[in-house]
């Protein structure tokens, strides 16, 4: 048994499937296991949006209720068997989730949590009002199929067992797909995900819809199993809280964690029911479990055990140190086609690639950018300098779509992109890095590079995260940057300077026409600054245009062919490095008379 992470869960799943044969006369035990499997199904479905993408929903049991009512209404009206109702329940739940997700996923963090609860209660109220269809508060009585009386809970046991297996397969498929990589990127840093070209809106709605399918499928047969459905039972908040606790206990964001958590919490629920009376005891026990999880297992049971197991296995493995001076030194040994700009073919020196016209952006009464107009020539390395608070980063954010300017326009290659989304600009050739690096810290360096996906067809999103041309290109880019040794390391394990280079490598995956660098030299050692300069020059020679915000003035003057100076949200002056070096306005407003402007020697 080489990989217990795989074989142990599969063995337990096989054992679960044999439970009716292992335990004779086990109607009660099967009933308990059905409750366990239902909670595991819901926790695994919830995990797709809340565990992978980080959008915690406390109203997700609404889709179980939608599946229950779909099965009840269709089964009562036309006598459709549960086997045929299940896919219909899943489809209806997915459609409702897509429509609802387009609205609620506009909110984030605590706002999304509150809205998800409000959506649950709203649909519960609608179910009570629509009495001719739903039976109102009295609910609907469902006639069980004849085989349910003859064979007891065993057929339902295997139906739920099949749904659980399919849900696990769905979760595994999503986690190993390009969609899954994008969702994890969104969970780490949604703004950064958009900046490297991930269509965050489409990814979130897709995940939200997929997460509802297991609920709808299970709900369609669960109503038949109970022989009754009403609004309070189908759309109860306690079910949502319970499934969230199950996923958190087992380990959200993992494949088997929500399944394990589902069984643990369902068994705890059953223990509370058997040993005491009323819902208060169940709530008390669940509350105790939640406290214990938060205090001792904040990552969940499975991740905690996996981490301890990994530490135990690697306790005698020597740590490999990599000399930073070797980073970014291998550009001559790599096929540079992997990092070649999309602009190299149509390069026309002297014409503006990026232009901003009369950009204004205020926050309250403060004018951060006040009527800035400037152009970045194609094929140039242009500097943007100025004191703190002069509007440099705000202008960057207006250029890249993070902020919508109050007035003015942004043009890329002559096309007005002022109203374009962040990810649209990224795939249109406008890349950027950040002053404080924003890598996806829980992902490997390779995953950080392959997460963007320009084509968003179902086929492309379903492709494996380690398949296709992007992976080979990612390795070429890493080799160009001298980072190939770090491919399997997590972003959080790298030094700040290494993170800067990986962030630039992320941008290069998009083959940008222009790269906006926000203080690339801040916080890194002089050796790495020299290597970074070499990378920028090499990329520029191959057609990539650069706009650099930087306080390291000697670096700017050594790299740039033109420099713009901002002060008070306006362009103070523009010119060549030599002109800027000797401009009295720049010396007075920013550089100071004693500034050391000597070009550093590598």
Foldseek 3Di string as FASTA:
>chain_A
DPDCVPVVVVVVLVVLVCVPVVDDPCLVVLVLVLQLLLLLLLLLLQLLQCQQQVAQELQLLLLLLQLQLQLQQCCVVPVDDLVVSLQVQLVVQLVVLLVVCLPLVVDGDPSSHVVNLVVLVVVLVVLQVPCVRQVHQQGGFADADPVCVVPPCVVVSVVSSVLSVVSLVVSVLLCQFLLSLLSNLNSQPVVVSLQLQAPVSVSNSVSSSSSSSSSNSNSSVVSSVVSTDGSCVSRPSVSSVLSNLLQQQQARNDSCRSSRSSSVLSVLQVVQVVVHHDCVSSVVSSVVSSVCCVVPPRRHDVVVVVVVVVCVVCVPPDDDDDDPLLWLPQQVVFDCVLLFAPCLVVADFPAFQKWWAQFWADDVPATQAGGATDTFTFLFAEEEEEDPSLNPVVVVCQQQVVDQTPDIFMDGRNHTCSPPHNSVVLLVFEHEADPQGRFSQVAFLLSSQQSHDNDDDPVNRSHGSCDDDLSVSLCSLCSNRSNNVRRGPGLNPDDRLVSLSSRVSSSSSSSHQEYEYEASPPPDDPSSLVSVLVSVVVNSVSGHYYYYYHPLQLSNLVRGQKYWYGGSNYTPDIDGSVCLVPPPVNCVRPQDPPHDNHRDDD
